[in-house]
């Protein structure tokens, strides 16, 4: 087991809350602000808040996109994207114009309740449950009624349904956990979801 994780600080991410959660779990962490700090990474967390293009631009300005691709796609280093961090795994977003990282086939769409319940507010903010679609190491201890904290206006639309591990209903169902091989993502914030989120982070840290 290697429970040390490298947390990417792209200047628009909640690295403090994530690192505190890792500390509570007796894990080790390193905050990454330049490519050299990522070279020995065995597990990576990519948190993010804010706009899509801004986050992609931050990664590009850090000159870390190519190295991150090599670590994740070629070396198969496990990575966990949180909220916007998960959305960056897609090909792109209707929120912006820049290409995403493209790790998982899909696109990011804004909530649209025209055909559902237009009384719902955007962003989707607060506690909500998730529905398991398939078994996965990230949610191996999940039980019915488990709630997590969300705050987002856009959501993932996966091209391959096999990449969707769990869904959440807010007007309609959207992916709240995705996974493709070593790539994991949560639309909610596990670092703000108390003991339920603690289990998610713990399961990620304990991946072999």
N, C-alpha and C. Protein backbone atom coordinates (compact mmCIF):
# COMPACT_ATOMS: atom_id res chain seq x y z
N UNK A 1 0.84 -1.19 0.00
CA UNK A 1 0.00 0.00 0.00
C UNK A 1 0.88 1.25 0.00
N UNK A 2 0.48 2.23 -0.79
CA UNK A 2 1.17 3.52 -0.79
C UNK A 2 0.11 4.59 -0.61
N UNK A 3 0.01 5.13 0.62
CA UNK A 3 -1.05 6.09 0.90
C UNK A 3 -0.57 7.53 0.84
N UNK A 4 0.55 7.75 0.16
CA UNK A 4 0.98 9.12 -0.08
C UNK A 4 0.34 9.60 -1.37
N UNK A 5 -0.19 10.81 -1.36
CA UNK A 5 -0.87 11.34 -2.52
C UNK A 5 -0.31 12.71 -2.87
N UNK A 6 -0.21 12.98 -4.16
CA UNK A 6 0.22 14.28 -4.65
C UNK A 6 -1.03 15.07 -5.04
N UNK A 7 -1.22 16.24 -4.43
CA UNK A 7 -2.41 17.06 -4.65
C UNK A 7 -2.03 18.24 -5.53
N UNK A 8 -2.65 18.31 -6.70
CA UNK A 8 -2.34 19.38 -7.64
C UNK A 8 -2.96 20.70 -7.19
N UNK A 9 -2.14 21.71 -7.06
CA UNK A 9 -2.61 23.06 -6.72
C UNK A 9 -2.55 23.90 -7.99
N UNK A 10 -3.72 24.05 -8.65
CA UNK A 10 -3.74 24.78 -9.92
C UNK A 10 -4.21 26.23 -9.73
N UNK A 11 -4.27 26.65 -8.47
CA UNK A 11 -4.64 28.04 -8.21
C UNK A 11 -6.12 28.29 -8.17
N UNK A 12 -6.92 27.25 -8.43
CA UNK A 12 -8.38 27.38 -8.32
C UNK A 12 -8.92 26.07 -7.76
N UNK A 13 -8.29 25.62 -6.68
CA UNK A 13 -8.67 24.35 -6.08
C UNK A 13 -8.59 24.44 -4.57
N UNK A 14 -9.39 23.61 -3.93
CA UNK A 14 -9.46 23.61 -2.48
C UNK A 14 -8.46 22.61 -1.90
N UNK A 15 -7.19 22.89 -2.08
CA UNK A 15 -6.16 21.94 -1.63
C UNK A 15 -6.10 21.83 -0.11
N UNK A 16 -6.46 22.91 0.60
CA UNK A 16 -6.39 22.89 2.05
C UNK A 16 -7.33 21.85 2.65
N UNK A 17 -8.58 21.84 2.22
CA UNK A 17 -9.56 20.89 2.75
C UNK A 17 -9.19 19.46 2.39
N UNK A 18 -8.69 19.27 1.17
CA UNK A 18 -8.30 17.92 0.74
C UNK A 18 -7.13 17.42 1.56
N UNK A 19 -6.12 18.26 1.75
CA UNK A 19 -4.95 17.84 2.52
C UNK A 19 -5.29 17.55 3.97
N UNK A 20 -6.23 18.32 4.54
CA UNK A 20 -6.64 18.08 5.92
C UNK A 20 -7.35 16.74 6.05
N UNK A 21 -8.15 16.39 5.04
CA UNK A 21 -8.82 15.10 5.05
C UNK A 21 -7.80 13.96 4.98
N UNK A 22 -6.78 14.12 4.13
CA UNK A 22 -5.72 13.12 4.02
C UNK A 22 -5.00 12.97 5.36
N UNK A 23 -4.73 14.08 6.01
CA UNK A 23 -4.07 14.05 7.32
C UNK A 23 -4.89 13.28 8.34
N UNK A 24 -6.21 13.51 8.34
CA UNK A 24 -7.09 12.81 9.28
C UNK A 24 -7.03 11.30 9.09
N UNK A 25 -6.76 10.90 7.86
CA UNK A 25 -6.69 9.48 7.54
C UNK A 25 -5.28 8.91 7.73
N UNK A 26 -4.40 9.71 8.32
CA UNK A 26 -3.01 9.30 8.57
C UNK A 26 -2.23 9.06 7.27
N UNK A 27 -2.68 9.72 6.21
CA UNK A 27 -1.96 9.61 4.95
C UNK A 27 -0.95 10.74 4.79
N UNK A 28 -0.07 10.58 3.85
CA UNK A 28 0.92 11.61 3.54
C UNK A 28 0.50 12.33 2.26
N UNK A 29 0.88 13.60 2.16
CA UNK A 29 0.55 14.33 0.95
C UNK A 29 1.67 15.30 0.58
N UNK A 30 1.67 15.65 -0.70
CA UNK A 30 2.58 16.65 -1.20
C UNK A 30 1.78 17.57 -2.11
N UNK A 31 1.93 18.88 -1.91
CA UNK A 31 1.23 19.85 -2.75
C UNK A 31 2.08 20.13 -3.99
N UNK A 32 1.48 19.97 -5.16
CA UNK A 32 2.22 20.10 -6.42
C UNK A 32 1.89 21.43 -7.08
N UNK A 33 2.93 22.24 -7.30
CA UNK A 33 2.77 23.53 -7.98
C UNK A 33 3.63 23.65 -9.22
N UNK A 34 4.48 22.64 -9.47
CA UNK A 34 5.29 22.64 -10.68
C UNK A 34 5.56 21.19 -11.09
N UNK A 35 5.93 20.96 -12.34
CA UNK A 35 6.10 19.59 -12.85
C UNK A 35 7.08 18.74 -12.05
N UNK A 36 8.18 19.32 -11.61
CA UNK A 36 9.19 18.55 -10.89
C UNK A 36 8.61 17.88 -9.64
N UNK A 37 7.63 18.52 -9.01
CA UNK A 37 7.05 17.96 -7.80
C UNK A 37 6.12 16.78 -8.06
N UNK A 38 5.83 16.53 -9.33
CA UNK A 38 4.93 15.44 -9.69
C UNK A 38 5.67 14.18 -10.15
N UNK A 39 6.97 14.28 -10.32
CA UNK A 39 7.73 13.21 -10.95
C UNK A 39 7.63 11.88 -10.23
N UNK A 40 7.62 11.88 -8.90
CA UNK A 40 7.60 10.62 -8.16
C UNK A 40 6.20 10.24 -7.66
N UNK A 41 5.17 10.86 -8.22
CA UNK A 41 3.80 10.62 -7.75
C UNK A 41 3.35 9.19 -8.03
N UNK A 42 2.72 8.57 -7.02
CA UNK A 42 2.13 7.24 -7.15
C UNK A 42 0.61 7.30 -7.06
N UNK A 43 0.10 8.40 -6.54
CA UNK A 43 -1.34 8.68 -6.53
C UNK A 43 -1.50 10.20 -6.64
N UNK A 44 -2.54 10.63 -7.37
CA UNK A 44 -2.73 12.06 -7.63
C UNK A 44 -4.18 12.44 -7.36
N UNK A 45 -4.38 13.60 -6.73
CA UNK A 45 -5.71 14.18 -6.60
C UNK A 45 -5.73 15.52 -7.31
N UNK A 46 -6.75 15.71 -8.14
CA UNK A 46 -6.92 16.97 -8.87
C UNK A 46 -8.23 17.62 -8.44
N UNK A 47 -8.19 18.49 -7.41
CA UNK A 47 -9.40 19.22 -7.03
C UNK A 47 -9.55 20.46 -7.90
N UNK A 48 -10.76 21.00 -7.96
CA UNK A 48 -10.95 22.21 -8.75
C UNK A 48 -12.28 22.87 -8.48
N UNK A 49 -12.28 24.18 -8.49
CA UNK A 49 -13.50 24.98 -8.40
C UNK A 49 -13.37 26.13 -9.39
N UNK A 50 -14.51 26.65 -9.84
CA UNK A 50 -14.45 27.78 -10.75
C UNK A 50 -14.78 27.40 -12.18
N UNK A 51 -14.23 28.14 -13.14
CA UNK A 51 -14.58 27.96 -14.54
C UNK A 51 -13.64 26.99 -15.26
N UNK A 52 -14.17 26.36 -16.28
CA UNK A 52 -13.45 25.32 -17.02
C UNK A 52 -12.20 25.86 -17.70
N UNK A 53 -12.37 26.89 -18.51
CA UNK A 53 -11.22 27.42 -19.26
C UNK A 53 -10.13 27.94 -18.33
N UNK A 54 -10.53 28.54 -17.22
CA UNK A 54 -9.54 29.06 -16.28
C UNK A 54 -8.70 27.92 -15.71
N UNK A 55 -9.36 26.81 -15.37
CA UNK A 55 -8.64 25.67 -14.79
C UNK A 55 -7.70 25.05 -15.82
N UNK A 56 -8.17 24.87 -17.05
CA UNK A 56 -7.31 24.32 -18.10
C UNK A 56 -6.12 25.24 -18.36
N UNK A 57 -6.38 26.55 -18.38
CA UNK A 57 -5.31 27.52 -18.59
C UNK A 57 -4.27 27.44 -17.47
N UNK A 58 -4.74 27.25 -16.23
CA UNK A 58 -3.83 27.13 -15.10
C UNK A 58 -2.90 25.93 -15.28
N UNK A 59 -3.48 24.80 -15.70
CA UNK A 59 -2.67 23.60 -15.94
C UNK A 59 -1.66 23.84 -17.05
N UNK A 60 -2.09 24.50 -18.11
CA UNK A 60 -1.19 24.79 -19.22
C UNK A 60 -0.06 25.72 -18.79
N UNK A 61 -0.38 26.72 -18.01
CA UNK A 61 0.62 27.67 -17.54
C UNK A 61 1.62 27.02 -16.60
N UNK A 62 1.18 25.99 -15.88
CA UNK A 62 2.08 25.24 -15.01
C UNK A 62 3.02 24.34 -15.82
N UNK A 63 2.72 24.18 -17.13
CA UNK A 63 3.49 23.30 -18.02
C UNK A 63 3.52 21.87 -17.48
N UNK A 64 2.35 21.43 -17.03
CA UNK A 64 2.26 20.13 -16.39
C UNK A 64 1.35 19.17 -17.15
N UNK A 65 0.70 19.64 -18.21
CA UNK A 65 -0.29 18.81 -18.92
C UNK A 65 0.35 17.56 -19.52
N UNK A 66 1.49 17.69 -20.17
CA UNK A 66 2.14 16.54 -20.81
C UNK A 66 2.62 15.53 -19.78
N UNK A 67 3.21 16.02 -18.70
CA UNK A 67 3.68 15.11 -17.65
C UNK A 67 2.51 14.41 -16.98
N UNK A 68 1.43 15.14 -16.75
CA UNK A 68 0.25 14.55 -16.13
C UNK A 68 -0.32 13.46 -17.03
N UNK A 69 -0.34 13.69 -18.33
CA UNK A 69 -0.80 12.68 -19.29
C UNK A 69 0.07 11.42 -19.20
N UNK A 70 1.38 11.63 -19.14
CA UNK A 70 2.29 10.49 -19.07
C UNK A 70 2.07 9.69 -17.79
N UNK A 71 1.90 10.39 -16.67
CA UNK A 71 1.69 9.71 -15.39
C UNK A 71 0.38 8.92 -15.40
N UNK A 72 -0.69 9.55 -15.89
CA UNK A 72 -2.02 8.95 -15.81
C UNK A 72 -2.26 7.92 -16.90
N UNK A 73 -1.96 8.25 -18.14
CA UNK A 73 -2.28 7.38 -19.27
C UNK A 73 -1.21 6.33 -19.52
N UNK A 74 0.05 6.71 -19.48
CA UNK A 74 1.12 5.76 -19.77
C UNK A 74 1.56 4.96 -18.56
N UNK A 75 1.77 5.65 -17.43
CA UNK A 75 2.23 4.96 -16.22
C UNK A 75 1.09 4.40 -15.37
N UNK A 76 -0.15 4.72 -15.72
CA UNK A 76 -1.35 4.21 -15.02
C UNK A 76 -1.38 4.59 -13.54
N UNK A 77 -0.88 5.77 -13.21
CA UNK A 77 -0.94 6.26 -11.83
C UNK A 77 -2.39 6.61 -11.50
N UNK A 78 -2.93 6.11 -10.39
CA UNK A 78 -4.31 6.45 -10.02
C UNK A 78 -4.48 7.94 -9.79
N UNK A 79 -5.56 8.50 -10.34
CA UNK A 79 -5.87 9.91 -10.15
C UNK A 79 -7.33 10.06 -9.76
N UNK A 80 -7.59 10.97 -8.83
CA UNK A 80 -8.95 11.27 -8.39
C UNK A 80 -9.25 12.74 -8.69
N UNK A 81 -10.21 12.99 -9.57
CA UNK A 81 -10.65 14.35 -9.85
C UNK A 81 -11.85 14.69 -9.00
N UNK A 82 -11.84 15.87 -8.40
CA UNK A 82 -12.93 16.29 -7.52
C UNK A 82 -13.63 17.51 -8.12
N UNK A 83 -14.95 17.41 -8.30
CA UNK A 83 -15.79 18.48 -8.81
C UNK A 83 -15.28 18.95 -10.18
N UNK A 84 -14.81 20.18 -10.30
CA UNK A 84 -14.28 20.65 -11.58
C UNK A 84 -13.11 19.78 -12.02
N UNK A 85 -12.34 19.27 -11.06
CA UNK A 85 -11.23 18.38 -11.39
C UNK A 85 -11.69 17.17 -12.18
N UNK A 86 -12.83 16.60 -11.79
CA UNK A 86 -13.41 15.48 -12.54
C UNK A 86 -13.84 15.94 -13.93
N UNK A 87 -14.45 17.11 -14.02
CA UNK A 87 -14.93 17.60 -15.31
C UNK A 87 -13.78 17.83 -16.30
N UNK A 88 -12.60 18.14 -15.78
CA UNK A 88 -11.45 18.38 -16.66
C UNK A 88 -11.02 17.11 -17.38
N UNK A 89 -11.46 15.93 -16.90
CA UNK A 89 -11.12 14.67 -17.56
C UNK A 89 -11.84 14.51 -18.89
N UNK A 90 -12.90 15.30 -19.13
CA UNK A 90 -13.70 15.19 -20.34
C UNK A 90 -12.98 15.82 -21.54
N UNK A 91 -13.61 15.69 -22.71
CA UNK A 91 -13.03 16.28 -23.92
C UNK A 91 -13.15 17.79 -23.92
N UNK A 92 -14.18 18.32 -23.26
CA UNK A 92 -14.40 19.75 -23.21
C UNK A 92 -15.69 20.07 -22.50
N UNK A 93 -16.03 21.35 -22.45
CA UNK A 93 -17.22 21.78 -21.73
C UNK A 93 -17.91 22.90 -22.49
N UNK A 94 -19.23 22.91 -22.42
CA UNK A 94 -19.96 24.01 -23.04
C UNK A 94 -19.80 25.30 -22.24
N UNK A 95 -19.15 25.20 -21.08
CA UNK A 95 -18.86 26.40 -20.30
C UNK A 95 -17.74 27.22 -20.94
N UNK A 96 -16.86 26.55 -21.68
CA UNK A 96 -15.70 27.25 -22.23
C UNK A 96 -15.39 26.82 -23.65
N UNK A 97 -14.21 27.19 -24.11
CA UNK A 97 -13.81 26.90 -25.48
C UNK A 97 -12.57 26.01 -25.55
N UNK A 98 -11.83 25.88 -24.47
CA UNK A 98 -10.59 25.10 -24.48
C UNK A 98 -10.89 23.61 -24.35
N UNK A 99 -10.01 22.81 -24.94
CA UNK A 99 -10.14 21.36 -24.83
C UNK A 99 -9.85 20.91 -23.41
N UNK A 100 -10.56 19.87 -22.99
CA UNK A 100 -10.27 19.26 -21.70
C UNK A 100 -9.10 18.30 -21.83
N UNK A 101 -8.81 17.57 -20.75
CA UNK A 101 -7.69 16.63 -20.76
C UNK A 101 -7.98 15.41 -21.62
N UNK A 102 -9.26 15.07 -21.77
CA UNK A 102 -9.63 13.98 -22.67
C UNK A 102 -9.35 12.59 -22.17
N UNK A 103 -9.22 12.41 -20.86
CA UNK A 103 -8.93 11.08 -20.31
C UNK A 103 -10.14 10.15 -20.42
N UNK A 104 -11.34 10.70 -20.30
CA UNK A 104 -12.56 9.91 -20.38
C UNK A 104 -13.46 10.52 -21.45
N UNK A 105 -13.98 9.69 -22.33
CA UNK A 105 -14.83 10.20 -23.41
C UNK A 105 -16.13 10.75 -22.84
N UNK A 106 -16.34 12.02 -23.03
CA UNK A 106 -17.53 12.67 -22.53
C UNK A 106 -17.41 14.17 -22.67
N UNK A 107 -18.48 14.86 -22.33
CA UNK A 107 -18.53 16.31 -22.46
C UNK A 107 -19.27 16.87 -21.26
N UNK A 108 -18.99 18.12 -20.93
CA UNK A 108 -19.60 18.76 -19.77
C UNK A 108 -20.73 19.67 -20.22
N UNK A 109 -21.92 19.45 -19.65
CA UNK A 109 -23.12 20.22 -20.00
C UNK A 109 -23.64 20.97 -18.78
N UNK A 110 -24.29 22.08 -19.03
CA UNK A 110 -24.94 22.83 -17.95
C UNK A 110 -26.29 22.20 -17.66
N UNK A 111 -26.69 22.23 -16.39
CA UNK A 111 -28.02 21.75 -16.04
C UNK A 111 -29.07 22.49 -16.87
N UNK A 112 -30.00 21.72 -17.41
CA UNK A 112 -31.10 22.29 -18.19
C UNK A 112 -32.38 21.58 -17.77
N UNK A 113 -33.26 22.30 -17.10
CA UNK A 113 -34.47 21.69 -16.55
C UNK A 113 -35.72 21.99 -17.37
N UNK A 114 -35.54 22.44 -18.60
CA UNK A 114 -36.68 22.84 -19.42
C UNK A 114 -37.71 21.72 -19.57
N UNK A 115 -37.23 20.48 -19.67
CA UNK A 115 -38.14 19.34 -19.84
C UNK A 115 -38.42 18.61 -18.54
N UNK A 116 -37.97 19.17 -17.41
CA UNK A 116 -38.11 18.49 -16.13
C UNK A 116 -38.81 19.39 -15.12
N UNK A 117 -38.02 20.05 -14.31
CA UNK A 117 -38.59 20.92 -13.26
C UNK A 117 -37.83 22.23 -13.28
N UNK A 118 -38.41 23.24 -13.96
CA UNK A 118 -37.70 24.51 -14.11
C UNK A 118 -37.72 25.36 -12.85
N UNK A 119 -38.27 24.83 -11.76
CA UNK A 119 -38.22 25.54 -10.49
C UNK A 119 -36.92 25.27 -9.74
N UNK A 120 -36.17 24.27 -10.18
CA UNK A 120 -34.90 23.94 -9.54
C UNK A 120 -33.87 25.03 -9.81
N UNK A 121 -33.07 25.31 -8.79
CA UNK A 121 -32.08 26.37 -8.91
C UNK A 121 -30.74 25.82 -9.37
N UNK A 122 -30.01 26.67 -10.05
CA UNK A 122 -28.63 26.40 -10.44
C UNK A 122 -27.75 27.45 -9.78
N UNK A 123 -26.69 27.04 -9.09
CA UNK A 123 -26.10 25.69 -9.07
C UNK A 123 -26.85 24.70 -8.17
N UNK A 124 -26.59 23.45 -8.44
CA UNK A 124 -27.00 22.37 -7.54
C UNK A 124 -26.09 22.46 -6.33
N UNK A 125 -26.64 22.85 -5.20
CA UNK A 125 -25.81 23.11 -4.02
C UNK A 125 -26.43 22.46 -2.79
N UNK A 126 -25.61 21.73 -2.06
CA UNK A 126 -26.06 21.12 -0.81
C UNK A 126 -25.88 19.61 -0.84
N UNK A 127 -26.55 18.94 0.10
CA UNK A 127 -26.39 17.50 0.29
C UNK A 127 -27.34 16.73 -0.61
N UNK A 128 -26.83 15.64 -1.18
CA UNK A 128 -27.65 14.79 -2.02
C UNK A 128 -27.10 13.36 -1.95
N UNK A 129 -27.95 12.40 -2.28
CA UNK A 129 -27.53 11.00 -2.25
C UNK A 129 -27.00 10.57 -3.61
N UNK A 130 -26.35 9.43 -3.63
CA UNK A 130 -25.88 8.85 -4.88
C UNK A 130 -26.45 7.44 -5.00
N UNK A 131 -26.65 7.01 -6.23
CA UNK A 131 -27.15 5.66 -6.52
C UNK A 131 -26.05 4.88 -7.23
N UNK A 132 -25.65 3.78 -6.60
CA UNK A 132 -24.60 2.95 -7.19
C UNK A 132 -25.10 2.29 -8.47
N UNK A 133 -24.32 2.41 -9.55
CA UNK A 133 -24.64 1.76 -10.81
C UNK A 133 -23.91 0.43 -10.92
N UNK A 134 -22.68 0.40 -10.42
CA UNK A 134 -21.87 -0.82 -10.46
C UNK A 134 -20.88 -0.80 -9.31
N UNK A 135 -20.38 -1.96 -8.97
CA UNK A 135 -19.42 -2.06 -7.87
C UNK A 135 -18.11 -1.40 -8.26
N UNK A 136 -17.44 -0.84 -7.27
CA UNK A 136 -16.20 -0.14 -7.53
C UNK A 136 -15.43 0.01 -6.22
N UNK A 137 -14.10 -0.06 -6.30
CA UNK A 137 -13.28 0.05 -5.10
C UNK A 137 -13.45 1.39 -4.39
N UNK A 138 -13.78 2.42 -5.12
CA UNK A 138 -13.91 3.75 -4.52
C UNK A 138 -15.11 3.82 -3.58
N UNK A 139 -16.12 3.01 -3.82
CA UNK A 139 -17.35 3.05 -3.00
C UNK A 139 -17.67 1.67 -2.44
N UNK A 140 -16.64 0.90 -2.13
CA UNK A 140 -16.86 -0.46 -1.65
C UNK A 140 -17.57 -0.50 -0.30
N UNK A 141 -17.53 0.57 0.47
CA UNK A 141 -18.19 0.60 1.78
C UNK A 141 -19.49 1.41 1.76
N UNK A 142 -19.95 1.75 0.56
CA UNK A 142 -21.15 2.57 0.44
C UNK A 142 -22.39 1.81 0.87
N UNK A 143 -23.29 2.48 1.57
CA UNK A 143 -24.57 1.88 1.92
C UNK A 143 -25.68 2.86 1.56
N UNK A 144 -26.92 2.37 1.39
CA UNK A 144 -28.03 3.23 0.94
C UNK A 144 -28.24 4.45 1.84
N UNK A 145 -28.53 5.58 1.21
CA UNK A 145 -28.80 6.80 1.95
C UNK A 145 -27.59 7.65 2.24
N UNK A 146 -26.41 7.19 1.81
CA UNK A 146 -25.20 7.97 2.02
C UNK A 146 -25.29 9.29 1.25
N UNK A 147 -24.95 10.40 1.93
CA UNK A 147 -25.10 11.73 1.32
C UNK A 147 -23.74 12.41 1.17
N UNK A 148 -23.64 13.22 0.13
CA UNK A 148 -22.42 13.94 -0.15
C UNK A 148 -22.74 15.39 -0.50
N UNK A 149 -21.73 16.25 -0.38
CA UNK A 149 -21.94 17.69 -0.60
C UNK A 149 -21.60 18.07 -2.04
N UNK A 150 -22.56 18.69 -2.71
CA UNK A 150 -22.41 19.13 -4.10
C UNK A 150 -22.46 20.65 -4.20
N UNK A 151 -21.74 21.20 -5.15
CA UNK A 151 -21.92 22.59 -5.56
C UNK A 151 -21.38 22.72 -6.99
N UNK A 152 -22.31 22.74 -7.97
CA UNK A 152 -21.90 22.77 -9.37
C UNK A 152 -23.09 23.16 -10.25
N UNK A 153 -22.77 23.78 -11.38
CA UNK A 153 -23.78 24.16 -12.37
C UNK A 153 -23.70 23.31 -13.63
N UNK A 154 -22.60 22.59 -13.78
CA UNK A 154 -22.36 21.74 -14.95
C UNK A 154 -22.14 20.31 -14.49
N UNK A 155 -22.40 19.37 -15.39
CA UNK A 155 -22.22 17.96 -15.03
C UNK A 155 -21.67 17.17 -16.20
N UNK A 156 -21.14 16.01 -15.90
CA UNK A 156 -20.52 15.14 -16.88
C UNK A 156 -21.58 14.39 -17.68
N UNK A 157 -21.39 14.30 -18.99
CA UNK A 157 -22.20 13.44 -19.85
C UNK A 157 -21.24 12.43 -20.48
N UNK A 158 -21.29 11.20 -20.02
CA UNK A 158 -20.34 10.18 -20.46
C UNK A 158 -20.79 9.54 -21.77
N UNK A 159 -19.86 9.36 -22.69
CA UNK A 159 -20.18 8.68 -23.95
C UNK A 159 -20.29 7.17 -23.73
N UNK A 160 -19.50 6.66 -22.80
CA UNK A 160 -19.52 5.23 -22.49
C UNK A 160 -20.13 5.04 -21.10
N UNK A 161 -21.30 4.45 -21.03
CA UNK A 161 -22.00 4.27 -19.76
C UNK A 161 -21.21 3.38 -18.79
N UNK A 162 -20.28 2.58 -19.32
CA UNK A 162 -19.45 1.74 -18.45
C UNK A 162 -18.55 2.57 -17.55
N UNK A 163 -18.34 3.83 -17.90
CA UNK A 163 -17.49 4.70 -17.09
C UNK A 163 -18.24 5.35 -15.93
N UNK A 164 -19.55 5.15 -15.87
CA UNK A 164 -20.37 5.74 -14.80
C UNK A 164 -20.54 4.74 -13.67
N UNK A 165 -20.07 5.11 -12.48
CA UNK A 165 -20.12 4.23 -11.32
C UNK A 165 -21.34 4.54 -10.45
N UNK A 166 -21.69 5.81 -10.35
CA UNK A 166 -22.84 6.21 -9.54
C UNK A 166 -23.50 7.43 -10.16
N UNK A 167 -24.80 7.57 -9.90
CA UNK A 167 -25.56 8.71 -10.40
C UNK A 167 -26.25 9.42 -9.25
N UNK A 168 -26.60 10.68 -9.49
CA UNK A 168 -27.36 11.48 -8.54
C UNK A 168 -28.51 12.14 -9.29
N UNK A 169 -29.62 12.30 -8.61
CA UNK A 169 -30.79 12.91 -9.23
C UNK A 169 -30.95 14.35 -8.75
N UNK A 170 -30.89 15.26 -9.70
CA UNK A 170 -31.23 16.67 -9.44
C UNK A 170 -32.00 17.16 -10.66
N UNK A 171 -33.30 16.98 -10.64
CA UNK A 171 -34.11 17.23 -11.82
C UNK A 171 -34.09 16.04 -12.76
N UNK A 172 -32.90 15.53 -13.03
CA UNK A 172 -32.68 14.31 -13.79
C UNK A 172 -31.37 13.70 -13.31
N UNK A 173 -31.10 12.48 -13.72
CA UNK A 173 -29.90 11.79 -13.25
C UNK A 173 -28.66 12.24 -14.03
N UNK A 174 -27.58 12.41 -13.29
CA UNK A 174 -26.29 12.74 -13.90
C UNK A 174 -25.21 11.93 -13.20
N UNK A 175 -24.06 11.69 -13.84
CA UNK A 175 -22.98 10.92 -13.20
C UNK A 175 -22.38 11.69 -12.02
N UNK A 176 -22.36 11.03 -10.87
CA UNK A 176 -21.72 11.65 -9.71
C UNK A 176 -20.39 10.98 -9.35
N UNK A 177 -20.15 9.78 -9.87
CA UNK A 177 -18.84 9.13 -9.77
C UNK A 177 -18.54 8.47 -11.10
N UNK A 178 -17.35 8.72 -11.63
CA UNK A 178 -16.92 8.05 -12.86
C UNK A 178 -15.61 7.32 -12.59
N UNK A 179 -15.36 6.31 -13.40
CA UNK A 179 -14.11 5.56 -13.30
C UNK A 179 -13.81 4.87 -14.61
N UNK A 180 -12.58 5.04 -15.07
CA UNK A 180 -12.07 4.30 -16.23
C UNK A 180 -10.65 3.89 -15.89
N UNK A 181 -10.48 2.59 -15.64
CA UNK A 181 -9.19 2.04 -15.25
C UNK A 181 -8.67 2.76 -14.00
N UNK A 182 -7.56 3.49 -14.11
CA UNK A 182 -6.94 4.16 -12.96
C UNK A 182 -7.46 5.58 -12.75
N UNK A 183 -8.48 5.98 -13.52
CA UNK A 183 -8.97 7.35 -13.48
C UNK A 183 -10.32 7.39 -12.75
N UNK A 184 -10.37 8.14 -11.66
CA UNK A 184 -11.58 8.24 -10.83
C UNK A 184 -12.01 9.70 -10.74
N UNK A 185 -13.30 9.92 -10.62
CA UNK A 185 -13.79 11.28 -10.45
C UNK A 185 -15.06 11.32 -9.64
N UNK A 186 -15.20 12.34 -8.79
CA UNK A 186 -16.43 12.56 -8.03
C UNK A 186 -16.93 13.97 -8.32
N UNK A 187 -18.20 14.10 -8.67
CA UNK A 187 -18.76 15.42 -8.90
C UNK A 187 -18.96 16.15 -7.57
N UNK A 188 -19.21 15.41 -6.53
CA UNK A 188 -19.35 15.99 -5.19
C UNK A 188 -17.98 16.23 -4.56
N UNK A 189 -17.99 16.86 -3.41
CA UNK A 189 -16.76 17.15 -2.67
C UNK A 189 -16.62 16.17 -1.50
N UNK A 190 -15.84 15.11 -1.66
CA UNK A 190 -15.66 14.19 -0.53
C UNK A 190 -14.97 14.85 0.66
N UNK A 191 -14.12 15.83 0.38
CA UNK A 191 -13.39 16.50 1.47
C UNK A 191 -14.32 17.38 2.32
N UNK A 192 -15.54 17.63 1.84
CA UNK A 192 -16.52 18.42 2.59
C UNK A 192 -17.73 17.58 3.01
N UNK A 193 -17.62 16.27 2.83
CA UNK A 193 -18.76 15.39 3.06
C UNK A 193 -18.62 14.55 4.33
N UNK A 194 -17.82 15.07 5.28
CA UNK A 194 -17.70 14.44 6.60
C UNK A 194 -17.30 12.96 6.49
N UNK A 195 -17.89 12.11 7.30
CA UNK A 195 -17.43 10.72 7.37
C UNK A 195 -17.72 9.95 6.08
N UNK A 196 -18.75 10.36 5.35
CA UNK A 196 -19.04 9.68 4.09
C UNK A 196 -17.94 9.97 3.06
N UNK A 197 -17.54 11.22 2.98
CA UNK A 197 -16.46 11.58 2.07
C UNK A 197 -15.13 11.02 2.54
N UNK A 198 -14.97 10.90 3.83
CA UNK A 198 -13.75 10.34 4.40
C UNK A 198 -13.53 8.92 3.89
N UNK A 199 -14.62 8.15 3.75
CA UNK A 199 -14.51 6.79 3.24
C UNK A 199 -14.04 6.78 1.79
N UNK A 200 -14.52 7.75 1.01
CA UNK A 200 -14.10 7.84 -0.39
C UNK A 200 -12.60 8.09 -0.49
N UNK A 201 -12.13 9.10 0.25
CA UNK A 201 -10.70 9.43 0.23
C UNK A 201 -9.88 8.25 0.74
N UNK A 202 -10.35 7.61 1.80
CA UNK A 202 -9.64 6.46 2.37
C UNK A 202 -9.52 5.33 1.34
N UNK A 203 -10.61 5.06 0.64
CA UNK A 203 -10.57 3.99 -0.37
C UNK A 203 -9.59 4.34 -1.48
N UNK A 204 -9.52 5.61 -1.86
CA UNK A 204 -8.56 6.01 -2.89
C UNK A 204 -7.13 5.86 -2.40
N UNK A 205 -6.87 6.28 -1.17
CA UNK A 205 -5.52 6.18 -0.61
C UNK A 205 -5.07 4.72 -0.51
N UNK A 206 -6.03 3.82 -0.34
CA UNK A 206 -5.69 2.41 -0.15
C UNK A 206 -5.69 1.60 -1.44
N UNK A 207 -5.88 2.28 -2.57
CA UNK A 207 -5.74 1.58 -3.84
C UNK A 207 -4.30 1.08 -3.98
N UNK A 208 -4.15 -0.11 -4.48
CA UNK A 208 -2.80 -0.67 -4.66
C UNK A 208 -2.14 -0.04 -5.88
